[in-house]
Amino acid sequence: MEKVLPAEWEEQDGVLLAWPHEATDWHPIINQAVVVFTEVILQVSHREKVILVTPDTASVSRTLQKAGACMDNVRLFSMDTNDTWARDFGPLVVREAGSLHILDFGFNGWGLKFPANLDNMITGRLIQSGAFAGLPRTSPGLILEGGSIESDGEGTILTTAACLLSPNRNPHLSRRQIEEALHDLLGADRVLWLEHGYLAGDDTDSHIDTLARLCPGDTILHVACGDPADEHCAAIEAMVGELQRFTTRNGNRYRLLPLPWPEPKFAADGHRLPATYANFLVINGAVLVPTYRDKSDAAALDIVGKAFPDREIVGIDCLPLIEQHGSLHCITMQIPRGALS
């Protein structure tokens, strides 16, 4: 295959994160947020590298050392940031003719909802700082967040129409033109579009990584709503119907594994928070799965394990993260093997 976006379950060099600080929206619950980020970094650092951007490298280094992170694998870069959603401002690294190439897509705060001027420059600054192994970089002039697409590493991209066709992202492009861009830039020869599915409280216009995830062996892990009284039920059922109709490259149906539906979680002001077990992160030898102090946590870990039977399944309490409308996958971006210096 000439060009492809590697699957998340392929071998990785490391994971990119941005540390929460007082100038971010985490300010009201900064201590709780730090606990979650620390645990994620701890788990990753004992398996692969961590690329961590923060305005305060000295303080963060002390925090991570005290927590027991493998500091030999942690590389800190001093940078100002708007926020911490590395999945969406981080680089997408494609493999082309045996070499790796960095794609630095534009990030505009999920369709101009939030400031993103600093975060939009992080990939370029990391390249200038020598984080990557001298890889070529292209800035395609396209708004595209990592959380909005799923790749099987073989040319299939799974995405949602609500996000990629959002009028505040690439209003000059039609669906056909976006498919052509995904083909040219990511090597996608198949784009599977979901027309249904959403999470209340989600700022991303239905990122795919909150709803359905491509997994090895033509498997898809997806959210499922078993409560007819829940406001999501009709949309999620319609989404599952679409997944049931999708076929693999060989013309077979996908193996669908439904994830449990956590009890509704609410912010202090009463609005619903987007709790989802689909927002897991695959790393070398493990899958980090968000939990929410919910009765369905154990079942979610078990089901993710069915899709990744050869990896350790690690639950991480992400209840604080959904206070800012994201979860575990949203704060991380994996970097494939061979990309880091």
Protein backbone atom coordinates (compact mmCIF):
# COMPACT_ATOMS: atom_id res chain seq x y z
CA MET A 1 0.00 0.00 0.00
CA GLU A 2 1.45 3.32 -1.08
CA LYS A 3 0.22 5.45 1.82
CA VAL A 4 -1.69 4.61 5.00
CA LEU A 5 -2.55 5.98 8.43
CA PRO A 6 -1.36 3.27 10.85
CA ALA A 7 -3.93 1.65 13.14
CA GLU A 8 -3.70 2.64 16.80
CA TRP A 9 -2.89 -0.95 17.79
CA GLU A 10 0.30 -1.02 15.73
CA GLU A 11 3.65 -0.62 17.52
CA GLN A 12 4.20 2.86 18.95
CA ASP A 13 7.15 5.04 19.91
CA GLY A 14 5.13 7.06 22.38
CA VAL A 15 2.09 9.12 23.33
CA LEU A 16 1.68 12.91 23.23
CA LEU A 17 -0.11 14.77 26.05
CA ALA A 18 -0.47 18.39 27.21
CA TRP A 19 -0.45 19.03 30.96
CA PRO A 20 -3.42 20.78 32.64
CA HIS A 21 -2.59 24.14 34.25
CA GLU A 22 -4.31 27.09 35.90
CA ALA A 23 -4.76 28.98 32.61
CA THR A 24 -6.77 26.12 31.09
CA ASP A 25 -10.44 25.32 31.61
CA TRP A 26 -9.30 22.77 34.21
CA HIS A 27 -8.76 25.57 36.72
CA PRO A 28 -11.83 24.79 38.92
CA ILE A 29 -10.82 21.12 39.30
CA ILE A 30 -7.11 21.32 38.56
CA ASN A 31 -6.07 18.92 41.34
CA GLN A 32 -8.49 16.23 40.17
CA ALA A 33 -7.36 16.66 36.58
CA VAL A 34 -3.70 16.35 37.56
CA VAL A 35 -4.43 13.02 39.25
CA VAL A 36 -5.91 11.60 36.02
CA PHE A 37 -3.16 12.91 33.76
CA THR A 38 -0.52 11.60 36.16
CA GLU A 39 -2.02 8.11 36.14
CA VAL A 40 -2.22 8.03 32.33
CA ILE A 41 1.41 9.16 32.03
CA LEU A 42 2.46 6.64 34.67
CA GLN A 43 0.88 3.78 32.71
CA VAL A 44 2.27 4.91 29.35
CA SER A 45 5.78 5.68 30.62
CA HIS A 46 6.33 2.10 31.79
CA ARG A 47 5.59 0.84 28.27
CA GLU A 48 6.77 3.55 25.85
CA LYS A 49 7.78 7.21 25.61
CA VAL A 50 5.69 10.16 26.74
CA ILE A 51 5.95 13.48 24.89
CA LEU A 52 4.57 16.06 27.31
CA VAL A 53 4.06 19.76 26.63
CA THR A 54 3.62 22.14 29.57
CA PRO A 55 4.44 25.74 30.47
CA ASP A 56 6.08 24.52 33.72
CA THR A 57 8.42 21.59 33.08
CA ALA A 58 10.18 21.68 36.48
CA SER A 59 7.02 21.40 38.59
CA VAL A 60 5.48 18.74 36.35
CA SER A 61 8.69 16.71 36.40
CA ARG A 62 8.64 16.67 40.21
CA THR A 63 4.99 15.58 40.24
CA LEU A 64 5.63 12.69 37.85
CA GLN A 65 8.80 11.56 39.64
CA LYS A 66 6.93 11.48 42.94
CA ALA A 67 4.14 9.41 41.36
CA GLY A 68 6.60 6.80 40.09
CA ALA A 69 6.59 7.52 36.36
CA CYS A 70 9.48 6.08 34.38
CA MET A 71 11.22 9.42 33.82
CA ASP A 72 13.70 7.90 31.36
CA ASN A 73 10.73 7.66 29.00
CA VAL A 74 9.25 11.11 29.69
CA ARG A 75 10.31 14.01 27.46
CA LEU A 76 9.10 17.42 28.61
CA PHE A 77 8.75 20.38 26.23
CA SER A 78 8.16 23.87 27.56
CA MET A 79 5.23 25.40 25.65
CA ASP A 80 2.22 27.57 26.30
CA THR A 81 -1.08 25.83 25.61
CA ASN A 82 -4.75 26.76 25.40
CA ASP A 83 -5.90 23.39 26.67
CA THR A 84 -5.03 19.70 26.82
CA TRP A 85 -6.80 17.84 23.99
CA ALA A 86 -3.77 16.34 22.26
CA ARG A 87 -5.91 13.94 20.22
CA ASP A 88 -7.21 16.85 18.20
CA PHE A 89 -4.24 19.19 17.83
CA GLY A 90 -1.55 16.49 17.70
CA PRO A 91 0.12 15.20 14.54
CA LEU A 92 -1.17 12.43 12.34
CA VAL A 93 1.78 10.34 11.12
CA VAL A 94 1.27 8.43 7.89
CA ARG A 95 3.42 5.68 6.42
CA GLU A 96 4.34 6.16 2.78
CA ALA A 97 6.60 3.83 0.78
CA GLY A 98 8.16 2.55 3.99
CA SER A 99 8.85 6.04 5.41
CA LEU A 100 6.92 8.18 7.89
CA HIS A 101 5.48 11.62 7.19
CA ILE A 102 3.93 14.11 9.64
CA LEU A 103 0.61 15.71 8.72
CA ASP A 104 -0.02 18.90 10.69
CA PHE A 105 -3.72 19.54 10.14
CA GLY A 106 -5.36 22.75 11.28
CA PHE A 107 -7.13 22.77 14.65
CA ASN A 108 -9.74 25.50 15.18
CA GLY A 109 -11.26 24.57 18.53
CA TRP A 110 -13.86 22.10 17.17
CA GLY A 111 -15.42 24.47 14.70
CA LEU A 112 -14.49 27.80 16.35
CA LYS A 113 -16.07 26.96 19.71
CA PHE A 114 -12.94 27.57 21.84
CA PRO A 115 -9.58 29.39 21.53
CA ALA A 116 -6.96 27.18 19.87
CA ASN A 117 -4.24 29.54 18.63
CA LEU A 118 -1.53 28.07 20.88
CA ASP A 119 -2.59 24.44 20.53
CA ASN A 120 -2.68 24.75 16.75
CA MET A 121 1.07 25.49 16.78
CA ILE A 122 2.17 22.64 19.07
CA THR A 123 3.00 20.11 16.36
CA GLY A 124 5.18 22.63 14.52
CA ARG A 125 6.93 23.63 17.73
CA LEU A 126 7.60 20.01 18.63
CA ILE A 127 9.18 19.49 15.22
CA GLN A 128 11.34 22.60 15.70
CA SER A 129 12.33 21.32 19.16
CA GLY A 130 13.61 18.05 17.72
CA ALA A 131 10.92 15.75 19.12
CA PHE A 132 10.58 13.85 15.85
CA ALA A 133 13.18 11.87 13.95
CA GLY A 134 13.69 14.43 11.19
CA LEU A 135 10.44 13.46 9.50
CA PRO A 136 9.06 15.58 6.67
CA ARG A 137 6.03 17.69 7.59
CA THR A 138 3.07 18.76 5.51
CA SER A 139 0.44 21.30 6.61
CA PRO A 140 -2.48 20.39 4.34
CA GLY A 141 -4.60 23.47 5.04
CA LEU A 142 -7.47 21.26 6.18
CA ILE A 143 -9.22 21.32 9.56
CA LEU A 144 -9.12 17.75 10.87
CA GLU A 145 -9.01 16.44 14.45
CA GLY A 146 -7.53 13.08 15.35
CA GLY A 147 -10.63 12.17 17.35
CA SER A 148 -12.81 12.52 14.27
CA ILE A 149 -11.35 9.57 12.36
CA GLU A 150 -10.57 5.90 12.98
CA SER A 151 -8.13 3.92 10.80
CA ASP A 152 -7.71 0.16 10.46
CA GLY A 153 -4.20 0.62 9.03
CA GLU A 154 -5.34 -0.93 5.74
CA GLY A 155 -7.01 2.02 4.06
CA THR A 156 -10.39 2.13 5.81
CA ILE A 157 -11.43 5.33 7.64
CA LEU A 158 -14.48 5.39 9.93
CA THR A 159 -15.94 8.83 10.69
CA THR A 160 -19.11 10.83 11.34
CA ALA A 161 -20.87 13.19 8.97
CA ALA A 162 -21.79 15.54 11.81
CA CYS A 163 -18.13 16.33 12.45
CA LEU A 164 -16.38 16.18 9.09
CA LEU A 165 -19.21 18.04 7.32
CA SER A 166 -19.49 20.68 10.05
CA PRO A 167 -19.89 24.12 8.40
CA ASN A 168 -17.30 25.67 10.74
CA ARG A 169 -14.53 23.28 9.76
CA ASN A 170 -14.15 23.00 5.98
CA PRO A 171 -17.22 24.75 4.54
CA HIS A 172 -15.61 25.00 1.10
CA LEU A 173 -15.46 21.21 0.73
CA SER A 174 -18.24 18.78 -0.18
CA ARG A 175 -18.46 15.25 1.20
CA ARG A 176 -16.92 13.98 -2.03
CA GLN A 177 -14.04 16.46 -1.76
CA ILE A 178 -13.39 15.50 1.87
CA GLU A 179 -13.26 11.84 0.84
CA GLU A 180 -10.76 12.77 -1.87
CA ALA A 181 -8.64 14.62 0.72
CA LEU A 182 -8.70 11.60 3.04
CA HIS A 183 -7.59 9.47 0.11
CA ASP A 184 -4.79 11.80 -0.96
CA LEU A 185 -3.50 12.58 2.55
CA LEU A 186 -4.19 9.40 4.53
CA GLY A 187 -4.33 6.81 1.78
CA ALA A 188 -7.98 6.04 2.52
CA ASP A 189 -9.56 3.93 -0.20
CA ARG A 190 -12.74 3.39 1.85
CA VAL A 191 -14.57 5.94 4.02
CA LEU A 192 -17.37 4.62 6.24
CA TRP A 193 -19.68 7.47 7.25
CA LEU A 194 -21.92 7.32 10.31
CA GLU A 195 -24.94 9.60 9.89
CA HIS A 196 -26.28 8.97 13.42
CA GLY A 197 -25.02 8.95 17.00
CA TYR A 198 -24.14 11.65 19.50
CA LEU A 199 -23.40 12.26 23.17
CA ALA A 200 -25.04 15.06 25.14
CA GLY A 201 -22.43 17.48 26.47
CA ASP A 202 -19.99 16.68 23.66
CA ASP A 203 -18.30 19.75 22.10
CA THR A 204 -16.82 17.91 19.11
CA ASP A 205 -19.89 17.38 16.91
CA SER A 206 -19.85 13.61 17.43
CA HIS A 207 -16.22 12.56 17.25
CA ILE A 208 -16.03 8.93 16.21
CA ASP A 209 -13.76 8.09 19.17
CA THR A 210 -16.68 8.70 21.54
CA LEU A 211 -19.01 6.36 19.62
CA ALA A 212 -17.36 3.53 17.65
CA ARG A 213 -13.78 2.26 17.40
CA LEU A 214 -12.08 0.09 14.81
CA CYS A 215 -10.23 -2.83 16.40
CA PRO A 216 -8.11 -5.76 15.13
CA GLY A 217 -9.77 -8.64 13.33
CA ASP A 218 -12.50 -6.59 11.62
CA THR A 219 -14.03 -5.81 15.02
CA ILE A 220 -15.81 -2.60 16.04
CA LEU A 221 -16.35 -1.66 19.68
CA HIS A 222 -19.29 0.74 19.96
CA VAL A 223 -21.54 2.40 22.49
CA ALA A 224 -25.02 0.94 22.87
CA CYS A 225 -28.00 2.35 24.75
CA GLY A 226 -30.37 -0.15 26.33
CA ASP A 227 -32.61 2.40 28.03
CA PRO A 228 -35.53 3.46 25.79
CA ALA A 229 -36.18 6.41 28.11
CA ASP A 230 -32.70 7.83 27.55
CA GLU A 231 -32.51 10.85 25.22
CA HIS A 232 -29.75 9.14 23.20
CA CYS A 233 -31.52 5.87 22.55
CA ALA A 234 -33.04 6.50 19.11
CA ALA A 235 -29.85 8.05 17.69
CA ILE A 236 -27.60 5.33 19.10
CA GLU A 237 -29.88 2.56 17.84
CA ALA A 238 -29.82 4.16 14.37
CA MET A 239 -26.02 4.28 14.57
CA VAL A 240 -25.84 0.60 15.51
CA GLY A 241 -28.05 -0.19 12.52
CA GLU A 242 -25.53 1.56 10.28
CA LEU A 243 -22.65 -0.40 11.82
CA GLN A 244 -24.55 -3.63 11.20
CA ARG A 245 -24.81 -2.76 7.50
CA PHE A 246 -21.14 -1.87 7.04
CA THR A 247 -19.00 -4.51 5.36
CA THR A 248 -15.29 -5.21 5.57
CA ARG A 249 -12.87 -5.04 2.66
CA ASN A 250 -13.69 -8.72 2.01
CA GLY A 251 -17.43 -8.06 1.93
CA ASN A 252 -18.18 -9.61 5.31
CA ARG A 253 -20.00 -7.98 8.23
CA TYR A 254 -17.93 -6.51 11.03
CA ARG A 255 -17.81 -8.26 14.39
CA LEU A 256 -19.67 -5.78 16.61
CA LEU A 257 -19.03 -5.64 20.36
CA PRO A 258 -21.45 -3.33 22.20
CA LEU A 259 -20.10 -1.41 25.18
CA PRO A 260 -22.31 -0.79 28.22
CA TRP A 261 -24.08 2.50 28.73
CA PRO A 262 -22.95 4.25 31.95
CA GLU A 263 -25.49 5.83 34.26
CA PRO A 264 -26.12 9.47 33.31
CA LYS A 265 -23.48 11.83 34.73
CA PHE A 266 -24.25 15.51 35.31
CA ALA A 267 -22.25 18.68 35.92
CA ALA A 268 -22.98 20.92 38.91
CA ASP A 269 -25.15 23.17 36.74
CA GLY A 270 -27.27 20.17 35.66
CA HIS A 271 -26.09 19.62 32.09
CA ARG A 272 -25.31 16.08 31.07
CA LEU A 273 -21.69 14.97 30.69
CA PRO A 274 -20.46 12.76 27.81
CA ALA A 275 -19.40 9.58 29.60
CA THR A 276 -18.35 6.90 27.10
CA TYR A 277 -16.31 3.71 27.35
CA ALA A 278 -15.42 3.99 23.65
CA ASN A 279 -12.80 6.64 24.48
CA PHE A 280 -10.03 4.13 25.31
CA LEU A 281 -6.35 4.36 24.29
CA VAL A 282 -4.41 1.44 22.80
CA ILE A 283 -0.70 1.42 23.70
CA ASN A 284 2.09 -1.15 23.49
CA GLY A 285 0.94 -4.20 25.44
CA ALA A 286 -2.12 -2.57 27.02
CA VAL A 287 -5.40 -0.75 26.54
CA LEU A 288 -6.18 2.13 28.91
CA VAL A 289 -9.95 2.30 29.41
CA PRO A 290 -11.84 5.20 31.01
CA THR A 291 -14.00 4.36 34.02
CA TYR A 292 -16.57 6.58 35.73
CA ARG A 293 -17.17 5.10 39.21
CA ASP A 294 -20.10 3.38 37.57
CA LYS A 295 -21.68 -0.05 38.00
CA SER A 296 -20.87 -0.78 34.33
CA ASP A 297 -17.12 -0.13 34.64
CA ALA A 298 -16.16 -3.78 35.14
CA ALA A 299 -18.30 -4.95 32.22
CA ALA A 300 -16.74 -2.31 29.97
CA LEU A 301 -13.22 -3.49 30.83
CA ASP A 302 -14.24 -7.07 30.09
CA ILE A 303 -15.71 -6.22 26.68
CA VAL A 304 -12.69 -4.16 25.62
CA GLY A 305 -10.61 -7.19 26.60
CA LYS A 306 -12.55 -9.31 24.10
CA ALA A 307 -11.37 -7.02 21.31
CA PHE A 308 -7.78 -6.97 22.59
CA PRO A 309 -7.22 -10.41 24.15
CA ASP A 310 -3.44 -10.14 23.91
CA ARG A 311 -3.16 -6.90 25.93
CA GLU A 312 -3.47 -5.89 29.55
CA ILE A 313 -6.70 -3.97 30.14
CA VAL A 314 -6.16 -1.08 32.57
CA GLY A 315 -9.03 0.98 33.94
CA ILE A 316 -8.37 4.65 34.72
CA ASP A 317 -10.84 6.80 36.66
CA CYS A 318 -11.78 9.52 34.16
CA LEU A 319 -14.82 10.98 35.91
CA PRO A 320 -12.99 14.33 36.30
CA LEU A 321 -12.21 14.46 32.57
CA ILE A 322 -15.82 14.46 31.43
CA GLU A 323 -16.33 17.64 33.47
CA GLN A 324 -14.57 19.28 30.50
CA HIS A 325 -16.48 17.12 28.00
CA GLY A 326 -13.69 14.75 26.98
CA SER A 327 -12.13 11.54 28.22
CA LEU A 328 -8.99 9.40 28.04
CA HIS A 329 -8.50 9.08 24.28
CA CYS A 330 -9.16 12.81 23.85
CA ILE A 331 -6.15 13.84 25.97
CA THR A 332 -3.69 11.56 24.15
CA MET A 333 -2.24 11.06 20.68
CA GLN A 334 -0.20 7.95 19.89
CA ILE A 335 2.96 8.30 17.81
CA PRO A 336 3.83 5.26 15.64
CA ARG A 337 7.10 3.34 15.84
CA GLY A 338 9.98 5.13 14.12
CA ALA A 339 8.62 8.67 14.39
CA LEU A 340 10.30 10.00 17.55
CA SER A 341 13.91 11.06 17.91
